[in-house]
Amino acid sequence: MRLKIFQIFVICLASVILFNSCGRRRKNDPNYIRVAVVLGPEYIVAKTAQKVAKERYNLDVDLVTLTDYVVPNTLLDQGDIDANVFQHVPYLENQMKERGYKLAVVGNAFVYPLAGYSKKIKSLDELKDGSTIVIPNDLTNGGRALLLMQKQGLIKLRDNVGFIPKVTDIIENPRNFKIVELEAPQLPRVLDDDKVTIAIINNTFAAGVGLTLQDGIFVEEKDSPYVNVIVSREDNKDDDRVKRFVKAFQSDEVAETANREFKGGAIKGW
């Protein structure tokens, strides 16, 4: 058993070394770029950008797929990738402030509106006092969800909270809603929990389980400031490879793919 575990470890280690060494060998290739995206519908959108980049701009795009919102900026800051596409500006600014990253916005992607989904009720008129509402636990998307709840008249936040309020900024919750914070990828699953009435979910994860904005009982307005952006480092923001990737991403083909994959729930930001 120990030998088998050791063999698996060696194979995994070799794969990591090979993955990193391949990236280093092509790091100075003028026609190669590594871009991180979140696994799911956004990856399919990025695959279209990858195709456009190769066919139109002779650029090989190596897509690095991830499943959370923290690692993409860490990899970018460390120089392991050249760009990422997964976040909006309030989240990026918070990450840069907290972690000291020197990153730069090089282009807009899409707005993916938040919506409140439920398998228990069909409208807010049916929402009972004391119901459980689940929101994302990361600071910016959680704050975004709280602002959306305030917009629906469910809670009141203290004045001047900006784009990233916290649960502790709630000053009025007259109907005693239980507000639970959970990691964003897990939110679609809690809709089946008997104790959960509403989950406020980013369209990235909602679309991954077949939910559309039309399924939401309330939806973020389409003039949302939370447009997702294409991000690089300060030291490579003017690199021609980054510029070509932005052009490929901001193409009609990518917009069409996003519209199809998100069933009309991706709003072009450029």
C-alpha atoms as a PDB file:
ATOM      1  CA  MET A   1       0.000   0.000   0.000  1.00  0.00           C
ATOM      2  CA  ARG A   2       2.816   2.403   0.920  1.00  0.00           C
ATOM      3  CA  LEU A   3       4.566   1.616  -2.360  1.00  0.00           C
ATOM      4  CA  LYS A   4       1.359   2.319  -4.305  1.00  0.00           C
ATOM      5  CA  ILE A   5       0.860   5.663  -2.528  1.00  0.00           C
ATOM      6  CA  PHE A   6       4.497   6.562  -3.192  1.00  0.00           C
ATOM      7  CA  GLN A   7       4.091   5.709  -6.885  1.00  0.00           C
ATOM      8  CA  ILE A   8       0.997   7.917  -7.139  1.00  0.00           C
ATOM      9  CA  PHE A   9       2.876  10.745  -5.416  1.00  0.00           C
ATOM     10  CA  VAL A  10       5.786  10.431  -7.853  1.00  0.00           C
ATOM     11  CA  ILE A  11       3.439  10.469 -10.851  1.00  0.00           C
ATOM     12  CA  CYS A  12       1.614  13.568  -9.564  1.00  0.00           C
ATOM     13  CA  LEU A  13       4.905  15.316  -8.792  1.00  0.00           C
ATOM     14  CA  ALA A  14       6.239  14.521 -12.234  1.00  0.00           C
ATOM     15  CA  SER A  15       3.076  15.901 -13.815  1.00  0.00           C
ATOM     16  CA  VAL A  16       3.418  19.161 -11.891  1.00  0.00           C
ATOM     17  CA  ILE A  17       7.103  19.475 -12.852  1.00  0.00           C
ATOM     18  CA  LEU A  18       6.306  18.763 -16.497  1.00  0.00           C
ATOM     19  CA  PHE A  19       3.404  21.263 -16.443  1.00  0.00           C
ATOM     20  CA  ASN A  20       5.596  24.011 -14.992  1.00  0.00           C
ATOM     21  CA  SER A  21       8.634  23.266 -17.146  1.00  0.00           C
ATOM     22  CA  CYS A  22       6.559  23.351 -20.348  1.00  0.00           C
ATOM     23  CA  GLY A  23       5.249  26.747 -19.317  1.00  0.00           C
ATOM     24  CA  ARG A  24       8.755  28.029 -18.612  1.00  0.00           C
ATOM     25  CA  ARG A  25      10.087  26.784 -21.960  1.00  0.00           C
ATOM     26  CA  ARG A  26       7.475  28.821 -23.805  1.00  0.00           C
ATOM     27  CA  LYS A  27       7.498  31.837 -21.478  1.00  0.00           C
ATOM     28  CA  ASN A  28       9.487  33.921 -23.953  1.00  0.00           C
ATOM     29  CA  ASP A  29       7.609  32.638 -26.988  1.00  0.00           C
ATOM     30  CA  PRO A  30       6.089  35.751 -28.644  1.00  0.00           C
ATOM     31  CA  ASN A  31       3.088  33.703 -29.744  1.00  0.00           C
ATOM     32  CA  TYR A  32       2.204  31.968 -26.462  1.00  0.00           C
ATOM     33  CA  ILE A  33       0.212  33.075 -23.420  1.00  0.00           C
ATOM     34  CA  ARG A  34      -1.148  31.330 -20.316  1.00  0.00           C
ATOM     35  CA  VAL A  35      -4.547  32.480 -19.087  1.00  0.00           C
ATOM     36  CA  ALA A  36      -6.476  31.287 -16.007  1.00  0.00           C
ATOM     37  CA  VAL A  37     -10.250  30.891 -16.069  1.00  0.00           C
ATOM     38  CA  VAL A  38     -12.808  29.337 -13.728  1.00  0.00           C
ATOM     39  CA  LEU A  39     -14.066  25.902 -14.733  1.00  0.00           C
ATOM     40  CA  GLY A  40     -17.625  25.834 -16.082  1.00  0.00           C
ATOM     41  CA  PRO A  41     -19.407  27.920 -18.728  1.00  0.00           C
ATOM     42  CA  GLU A  42     -16.697  30.603 -18.560  1.00  0.00           C
ATOM     43  CA  TYR A  43     -14.172  27.977 -19.651  1.00  0.00           C
ATOM     44  CA  ILE A  44     -16.261  27.218 -22.750  1.00  0.00           C
ATOM     45  CA  VAL A  45     -16.369  30.949 -23.505  1.00  0.00           C
ATOM     46  CA  ALA A  46     -12.584  31.115 -23.087  1.00  0.00           C
ATOM     47  CA  LYS A  47     -12.180  28.146 -25.459  1.00  0.00           C
ATOM     48  CA  THR A  48     -13.792  30.259 -28.176  1.00  0.00           C
ATOM     49  CA  ALA A  49     -11.352  33.091 -27.401  1.00  0.00           C
ATOM     50  CA  GLN A  50      -8.551  30.534 -27.638  1.00  0.00           C
ATOM     51  CA  LYS A  51      -9.707  29.508 -31.112  1.00  0.00           C
ATOM     52  CA  VAL A  52     -10.063  33.117 -32.310  1.00  0.00           C
ATOM     53  CA  ALA A  53      -6.619  33.977 -30.921  1.00  0.00           C
ATOM     54  CA  LYS A  54      -4.980  31.177 -32.882  1.00  0.00           C
ATOM     55  CA  GLU A  55      -6.842  31.676 -36.149  1.00  0.00           C
ATOM     56  CA  ARG A  56      -6.838  35.466 -36.242  1.00  0.00           C
ATOM     57  CA  TYR A  57      -3.798  36.523 -34.225  1.00  0.00           C
ATOM     58  CA  ASN A  58      -1.452  33.497 -34.403  1.00  0.00           C
ATOM     59  CA  LEU A  59      -1.489  33.298 -30.610  1.00  0.00           C
ATOM     60  CA  ASP A  60      -1.423  29.990 -28.721  1.00  0.00           C
ATOM     61  CA  VAL A  61      -3.535  30.390 -25.573  1.00  0.00           C
ATOM     62  CA  ASP A  62      -2.881  27.850 -22.819  1.00  0.00           C
ATOM     63  CA  LEU A  63      -6.000  27.850 -20.623  1.00  0.00           C
ATOM     64  CA  VAL A  64      -5.399  27.034 -16.960  1.00  0.00           C
ATOM     65  CA  THR A  65      -8.683  25.980 -15.335  1.00  0.00           C
ATOM     66  CA  LEU A  66      -9.365  26.567 -11.650  1.00  0.00           C
ATOM     67  CA  THR A  67     -12.308  26.111  -9.305  1.00  0.00           C
ATOM     68  CA  ASP A  68     -12.030  28.996  -6.851  1.00  0.00           C
ATOM     69  CA  TYR A  69     -11.651  32.776  -6.782  1.00  0.00           C
ATOM     70  CA  VAL A  70      -8.356  33.047  -4.869  1.00  0.00           C
ATOM     71  CA  VAL A  71      -5.787  31.011  -6.798  1.00  0.00           C
ATOM     72  CA  PRO A  72      -6.047  32.845 -10.188  1.00  0.00           C
ATOM     73  CA  ASN A  73      -4.677  36.103  -8.766  1.00  0.00           C
ATOM     74  CA  THR A  74      -2.001  34.300  -6.769  1.00  0.00           C
ATOM     75  CA  LEU A  75      -0.745  32.523  -9.895  1.00  0.00           C
ATOM     76  CA  LEU A  76      -0.827  35.765 -11.860  1.00  0.00           C
ATOM     77  CA  ASP A  77       1.068  37.728  -9.220  1.00  0.00           C
ATOM     78  CA  GLN A  78       3.711  34.977  -9.028  1.00  0.00           C
ATOM     79  CA  GLY A  79       4.192  35.008 -12.799  1.00  0.00           C
ATOM     80  CA  ASP A  80       2.925  31.448 -13.302  1.00  0.00           C
ATOM     81  CA  ILE A  81       0.301  32.760 -15.749  1.00  0.00           C
ATOM     82  CA  ASP A  82       0.115  35.872 -17.910  1.00  0.00           C
ATOM     83  CA  ALA A  83      -3.529  36.887 -17.441  1.00  0.00           C
ATOM     84  CA  ASN A  84      -6.815  35.766 -15.955  1.00  0.00           C
ATOM     85  CA  VAL A  85     -10.508  36.280 -16.700  1.00  0.00           C
ATOM     86  CA  PHE A  86     -12.868  35.625 -13.788  1.00  0.00           C
ATOM     87  CA  GLN A  87     -13.378  38.675 -11.559  1.00  0.00           C
ATOM     88  CA  HIS A  88     -14.991  42.095 -11.386  1.00  0.00           C
ATOM     89  CA  VAL A  89     -13.217  45.301 -10.380  1.00  0.00           C
ATOM     90  CA  PRO A  90     -14.447  45.536  -6.749  1.00  0.00           C
ATOM     91  CA  TYR A  91     -13.127  42.015  -6.086  1.00  0.00           C
ATOM     92  CA  LEU A  92      -9.819  42.775  -7.822  1.00  0.00           C
ATOM     93  CA  GLU A  93      -9.327  46.005  -5.899  1.00  0.00           C
ATOM     94  CA  ASN A  94     -10.016  44.234  -2.606  1.00  0.00           C
ATOM     95  CA  GLN A  95      -7.523  41.466  -3.445  1.00  0.00           C
ATOM     96  CA  MET A  96      -4.856  43.996  -4.403  1.00  0.00           C
ATOM     97  CA  LYS A  97      -5.398  45.938  -1.199  1.00  0.00           C
ATOM     98  CA  GLU A  98      -5.331  42.866   1.046  1.00  0.00           C
ATOM     99  CA  ARG A  99      -2.516  40.931  -0.662  1.00  0.00           C
ATOM    100  CA  GLY A 100      -0.375  43.640  -2.227  1.00  0.00           C
ATOM    101  CA  TYR A 101      -0.759  42.322  -5.776  1.00  0.00           C
ATOM    102  CA  LYS A 102       0.433  44.596  -8.584  1.00  0.00           C
ATOM    103  CA  LEU A 103      -2.193  43.736 -11.185  1.00  0.00           C
ATOM    104  CA  ALA A 104      -3.849  45.723 -13.949  1.00  0.00           C
ATOM    105  CA  VAL A 105      -7.155  45.678 -15.840  1.00  0.00           C
ATOM    106  CA  VAL A 106      -6.480  45.338 -19.576  1.00  0.00           C
ATOM    107  CA  GLY A 107     -10.024  44.898 -20.883  1.00  0.00           C
ATOM    108  CA  ASN A 108     -13.660  44.227 -20.066  1.00  0.00           C
ATOM    109  CA  ALA A 109     -15.344  40.843 -20.362  1.00  0.00           C
ATOM    110  CA  PHE A 110     -19.001  40.294 -19.361  1.00  0.00           C
ATOM    111  CA  VAL A 111     -21.436  41.213 -16.617  1.00  0.00           C
ATOM    112  CA  TYR A 112     -22.847  38.058 -15.008  1.00  0.00           C
ATOM    113  CA  PRO A 113     -25.787  39.279 -12.903  1.00  0.00           C
ATOM    114  CA  LEU A 114     -26.541  37.823  -9.495  1.00  0.00           C
ATOM    115  CA  ALA A 115     -30.014  36.462  -8.899  1.00  0.00           C
ATOM    116  CA  GLY A 116     -31.999  35.032  -6.023  1.00  0.00           C
ATOM    117  CA  TYR A 117     -33.091  31.469  -6.781  1.00  0.00           C
ATOM    118  CA  SER A 118     -35.500  29.226  -4.910  1.00  0.00           C
ATOM    119  CA  LYS A 119     -37.114  25.822  -5.127  1.00  0.00           C
ATOM    120  CA  LYS A 120     -39.530  26.676  -2.315  1.00  0.00           C
ATOM    121  CA  ILE A 121     -41.198  29.885  -3.508  1.00  0.00           C
ATOM    122  CA  LYS A 122     -41.978  31.515  -6.843  1.00  0.00           C
ATOM    123  CA  SER A 123     -42.034  35.174  -5.754  1.00  0.00           C
ATOM    124  CA  LEU A 124     -41.014  37.346  -2.823  1.00  0.00           C
ATOM    125  CA  ASP A 125     -44.672  37.630  -1.895  1.00  0.00           C
ATOM    126  CA  GLU A 126     -44.407  34.024  -0.666  1.00  0.00           C
ATOM    127  CA  LEU A 127     -41.271  34.635   1.432  1.00  0.00           C
ATOM    128  CA  LYS A 128     -41.963  33.976   5.117  1.00  0.00           C
ATOM    129  CA  ASP A 129     -40.455  35.784   8.067  1.00  0.00           C
ATOM    130  CA  GLY A 130     -37.416  34.017   9.494  1.00  0.00           C
ATOM    131  CA  SER A 131     -36.542  32.300   6.194  1.00  0.00           C
ATOM    132  CA  THR A 132     -32.945  31.314   5.482  1.00  0.00           C
ATOM    133  CA  ILE A 133     -31.190  33.170   2.672  1.00  0.00           C
ATOM    134  CA  VAL A 134     -27.737  31.964   1.595  1.00  0.00           C
ATOM    135  CA  ILE A 135     -25.202  34.333   0.018  1.00  0.00           C
ATOM    136  CA  PRO A 136     -21.579  33.992  -1.235  1.00  0.00           C
ATOM    137  CA  ASN A 137     -18.974  34.127   1.530  1.00  0.00           C
ATOM    138  CA  ASP A 138     -16.317  36.091  -0.362  1.00  0.00           C
ATOM    139  CA  LEU A 139     -16.277  39.755   0.583  1.00  0.00           C
ATOM    140  CA  THR A 140     -17.201  41.356  -2.726  1.00  0.00           C
ATOM    141  CA  ASN A 141     -19.840  38.915  -3.990  1.00  0.00           C
ATOM    142  CA  GLY A 142     -21.278  38.624  -0.506  1.00  0.00           C
ATOM    143  CA  GLY A 143     -21.487  42.405  -0.362  1.00  0.00           C
ATOM    144  CA  ARG A 144     -23.023  42.423  -3.806  1.00  0.00           C
ATOM    145  CA  ALA A 145     -25.701  39.993  -2.581  1.00  0.00           C
ATOM    146  CA  LEU A 146     -26.445  42.168   0.448  1.00  0.00           C
ATOM    147  CA  LEU A 147     -26.877  45.218  -1.786  1.00  0.00           C
ATOM    148  CA  LEU A 148     -29.266  43.202  -3.930  1.00  0.00           C
ATOM    149  CA  MET A 149     -31.238  42.188  -0.834  1.00  0.00           C
ATOM    150  CA  GLN A 150     -31.448  45.822   0.210  1.00  0.00           C
ATOM    151  CA  LYS A 151     -32.648  46.721  -3.278  1.00  0.00           C
ATOM    152  CA  GLN A 152     -35.490  44.216  -2.800  1.00  0.00           C
ATOM    153  CA  GLY A 153     -36.434  45.769   0.535  1.00  0.00           C
ATOM    154  CA  LEU A 154     -35.439  42.697   2.559  1.00  0.00           C
ATOM    155  CA  ILE A 155     -32.809  44.394   4.737  1.00  0.00           C
ATOM    156  CA  LYS A 156     -31.290  47.827   5.305  1.00  0.00           C
ATOM    157  CA  LEU A 157     -27.538  48.496   5.371  1.00  0.00           C
ATOM    158  CA  ARG A 158     -25.752  51.331   7.107  1.00  0.00           C
ATOM    159  CA  ASP A 159     -25.029  54.367   4.934  1.00  0.00           C
ATOM    160  CA  ASN A 160     -21.878  54.693   2.807  1.00  0.00           C
ATOM    161  CA  VAL A 161     -20.985  50.979   2.777  1.00  0.00           C
ATOM    162  CA  GLY A 162     -19.818  51.187  -0.848  1.00  0.00           C
ATOM    163  CA  PHE A 163     -19.641  48.044  -2.991  1.00  0.00           C
ATOM    164  CA  ILE A 164     -18.477  45.637  -0.283  1.00  0.00           C
ATOM    165  CA  PRO A 165     -20.782  45.706   2.747  1.00  0.00           C
ATOM    166  CA  LYS A 166     -20.603  42.904   5.307  1.00  0.00           C
ATOM    167  CA  VAL A 167     -23.350  41.118   7.211  1.00  0.00           C
ATOM    168  CA  THR A 168     -22.328  43.224  10.217  1.00  0.00           C
ATOM    169  CA  ASP A 169     -23.357  46.311   8.222  1.00  0.00           C
ATOM    170  CA  ILE A 170     -27.018  45.276   8.348  1.00  0.00           C
ATOM    171  CA  ILE A 171     -28.850  47.757  10.591  1.00  0.00           C
ATOM    172  CA  GLU A 172     -32.394  46.586   9.906  1.00  0.00           C
ATOM    173  CA  ASN A 173     -33.658  43.038   9.401  1.00  0.00           C
ATOM    174  CA  PRO A 174     -37.270  43.448  10.552  1.00  0.00           C
ATOM    175  CA  ARG A 175     -38.375  40.048   9.221  1.00  0.00           C
ATOM    176  CA  ASN A 176     -35.542  38.211  10.996  1.00  0.00           C
ATOM    177  CA  PHE A 177     -34.121  36.500   7.924  1.00  0.00           C
ATOM    178  CA  LYS A 178     -31.310  34.065   8.667  1.00  0.00           C
ATOM    179  CA  ILE A 179     -28.438  35.063   6.391  1.00  0.00           C
ATOM    180  CA  VAL A 180     -25.880  32.289   5.861  1.00  0.00           C
ATOM    181  CA  GLU A 181     -22.573  32.731   4.039  1.00  0.00           C
ATOM    182  CA  LEU A 182     -21.230  29.871   1.899  1.00  0.00           C
ATOM    183  CA  GLU A 183     -18.562  29.341  -0.751  1.00  0.00           C
ATOM    184  CA  ALA A 184     -19.900  30.429  -4.139  1.00  0.00           C
ATOM    185  CA  PRO A 185     -19.483  27.066  -5.973  1.00  0.00           C
ATOM    186  CA  GLN A 186     -21.626  25.341  -3.323  1.00  0.00           C
ATOM    187  CA  LEU A 187     -24.589  27.710  -3.576  1.00  0.00           C
ATOM    188  CA  PRO A 188     -26.586  25.839  -6.273  1.00  0.00           C
ATOM    189  CA  ARG A 189     -26.539  22.685  -4.123  1.00  0.00           C
ATOM    190  CA  VAL A 190     -28.178  24.321  -1.110  1.00  0.00           C
ATOM    191  CA  LEU A 191     -31.336  24.995  -3.099  1.00  0.00           C
ATOM    192  CA  ASP A 192     -32.281  21.380  -2.294  1.00  0.00           C
ATOM    193  CA  ASP A 193     -31.772  21.927   1.436  1.00  0.00           C
ATOM    194  CA  ASP A 194     -35.141  21.913   3.223  1.00  0.00           C
ATOM    195  CA  LYS A 195     -33.975  24.737   5.502  1.00  0.00           C
ATOM    196  CA  VAL A 196     -32.938  27.099   2.684  1.00  0.00           C
ATOM    197  CA  THR A 197     -35.547  29.262   0.984  1.00  0.00           C
ATOM    198  CA  ILE A 198     -33.344  31.437  -1.249  1.00  0.00           C
ATOM    199  CA  ALA A 199     -29.757  31.257  -2.494  1.00  0.00           C
ATOM    200  CA  ILE A 200     -28.255  34.308  -4.185  1.00  0.00           C
ATOM    201  CA  ILE A 201     -25.994  32.899  -6.880  1.00  0.00           C
ATOM    202  CA  ASN A 202     -23.556  34.341  -9.393  1.00  0.00           C
ATOM    203  CA  ASN A 203     -24.556  33.454 -12.948  1.00  0.00           C
ATOM    204  CA  THR A 204     -21.243  31.649 -13.456  1.00  0.00           C
ATOM    205  CA  PHE A 205     -22.336  28.914 -11.042  1.00  0.00           C
ATOM    206  CA  ALA A 206     -26.066  29.180 -11.723  1.00  0.00           C
ATOM    207  CA  ALA A 207     -25.572  28.513 -15.436  1.00  0.00           C
ATOM    208  CA  GLY A 208     -23.400  25.520 -14.569  1.00  0.00           C
ATOM    209  CA  VAL A 209     -26.470  23.737 -13.170  1.00  0.00           C
ATOM    210  CA  GLY A 210     -28.856  24.917 -15.865  1.00  0.00           C
ATOM    211  CA  LEU A 211     -30.345  27.929 -14.080  1.00  0.00           C
ATOM    212  CA  THR A 212     -31.042  31.088 -16.082  1.00  0.00           C
ATOM    213  CA  LEU A 213     -31.845  34.634 -15.018  1.00  0.00           C
ATOM    214  CA  GLN A 214     -35.443  33.887 -15.964  1.00  0.00           C
ATOM    215  CA  ASP A 215     -35.474  31.320 -13.134  1.00  0.00           C
ATOM    216  CA  GLY A 216     -34.555  33.951 -10.548  1.00  0.00           C
ATOM    217  CA  ILE A 217     -37.244  35.422  -8.315  1.00  0.00           C
ATOM    218  CA  PHE A 218     -35.219  38.647  -8.252  1.00  0.00           C
ATOM    219  CA  VAL A 219     -32.274  39.688 -10.412  1.00  0.00           C
ATOM    220  CA  GLU A 220     -29.484  42.245 -10.286  1.00  0.00           C
ATOM    221  CA  GLU A 221     -30.026  45.115 -12.699  1.00  0.00           C
ATOM    222  CA  LYS A 222     -28.165  44.956 -15.984  1.00  0.00           C
ATOM    223  CA  ASP A 223     -26.399  48.291 -15.406  1.00  0.00           C
ATOM    224  CA  SER A 224     -24.440  46.609 -12.602  1.00  0.00           C
ATOM    225  CA  PRO A 225     -20.922  47.994 -11.961  1.00  0.00           C
ATOM    226  CA  TYR A 226     -19.689  44.424 -11.532  1.00  0.00           C
ATOM    227  CA  VAL A 227     -18.406  43.819 -15.048  1.00  0.00           C
ATOM    228  CA  ASN A 228     -15.845  41.011 -15.192  1.00  0.00           C
ATOM    229  CA  VAL A 229     -12.456  42.072 -16.474  1.00  0.00           C
ATOM    230  CA  ILE A 230      -9.360  40.674 -18.156  1.00  0.00           C
ATOM    231  CA  VAL A 231      -6.426  41.131 -15.796  1.00  0.00           C
ATOM    232  CA  SER A 232      -2.661  41.023 -16.213  1.00  0.00           C
ATOM    233  CA  ARG A 233       0.237  42.238 -14.092  1.00  0.00           C
ATOM    234  CA  GLU A 234       1.519  45.789 -14.133  1.00  0.00           C
ATOM    235  CA  ASP A 235       4.757  44.513 -15.650  1.00  0.00           C
ATOM    236  CA  ASN A 236       3.139  42.806 -18.663  1.00  0.00           C
ATOM    237  CA  LYS A 237       0.002  44.862 -19.307  1.00  0.00           C
ATOM    238  CA  ASP A 238       1.539  46.331 -22.473  1.00  0.00           C
ATOM    239  CA  ASP A 239       2.805  42.984 -23.776  1.00  0.00           C
ATOM    240  CA  ASP A 240       1.658  42.346 -27.340  1.00  0.00           C
ATOM    241  CA  ARG A 241       0.512  38.837 -26.385  1.00  0.00           C
ATOM    242  CA  VAL A 242      -1.836  40.273 -23.757  1.00  0.00           C
ATOM    243  CA  LYS A 243      -3.186  42.803 -26.242  1.00  0.00           C
ATOM    244  CA  ARG A 244      -3.845  40.102 -28.839  1.00  0.00           C
ATOM    245  CA  PHE A 245      -5.634  37.966 -26.284  1.00  0.00           C
ATOM    246  CA  VAL A 246      -7.882  40.888 -25.315  1.00  0.00           C
ATOM    247  CA  LYS A 247      -8.767  41.408 -28.984  1.00  0.00           C
ATOM    248  CA  ALA A 248      -9.578  37.720 -29.359  1.00  0.00           C
ATOM    249  CA  PHE A 249     -11.729  37.716 -26.235  1.00  0.00           C
ATOM    250  CA  GLN A 250     -13.600  40.862 -27.244  1.00  0.00           C
ATOM    251  CA  SER A 251     -14.805  39.284 -30.475  1.00  0.00           C
ATOM    252  CA  ASP A 252     -18.255  38.574 -31.864  1.00  0.00           C
ATOM    253  CA  GLU A 253     -17.563  34.846 -31.689  1.00  0.00           C
ATOM    254  CA  VAL A 254     -16.901  35.018 -27.942  1.00  0.00           C
ATOM    255  CA  ALA A 255     -19.990  37.160 -27.359  1.00  0.00           C
ATOM    256  CA  GLU A 256     -22.115  34.614 -29.245  1.00  0.00           C
ATOM    257  CA  THR A 257     -20.701  31.726 -27.211  1.00  0.00           C
ATOM    258  CA  ALA A 258     -21.344  33.561 -23.937  1.00  0.00           C
ATOM    259  CA  ASN A 259     -24.902  34.348 -24.950  1.00  0.00           C
ATOM    260  CA  ARG A 260     -25.501  30.669 -25.748  1.00  0.00           C
ATOM    261  CA  GLU A 261     -23.784  29.187 -22.684  1.00  0.00           C
ATOM    262  CA  PHE A 262     -25.362  31.630 -20.229  1.00  0.00           C
ATOM    263  CA  LYS A 263     -28.722  31.573 -22.034  1.00  0.00           C
ATOM    264  CA  GLY A 264     -28.837  35.337 -22.372  1.00  0.00           C
ATOM    265  CA  GLY A 265     -27.382  35.908 -18.900  1.00  0.00           C
ATOM    266  CA  ALA A 266     -24.008  37.291 -20.028  1.00  0.00           C
ATOM    267  CA  ILE A 267     -24.012  40.984 -20.893  1.00  0.00           C
ATOM    268  CA  LYS A 268     -21.176  42.183 -23.118  1.00  0.00           C
ATOM    269  CA  GLY A 269     -19.000  44.699 -21.277  1.00  0.00           C
ATOM    270  CA  TRP A 270     -17.049  46.198 -24.172  1.00  0.00           C
END
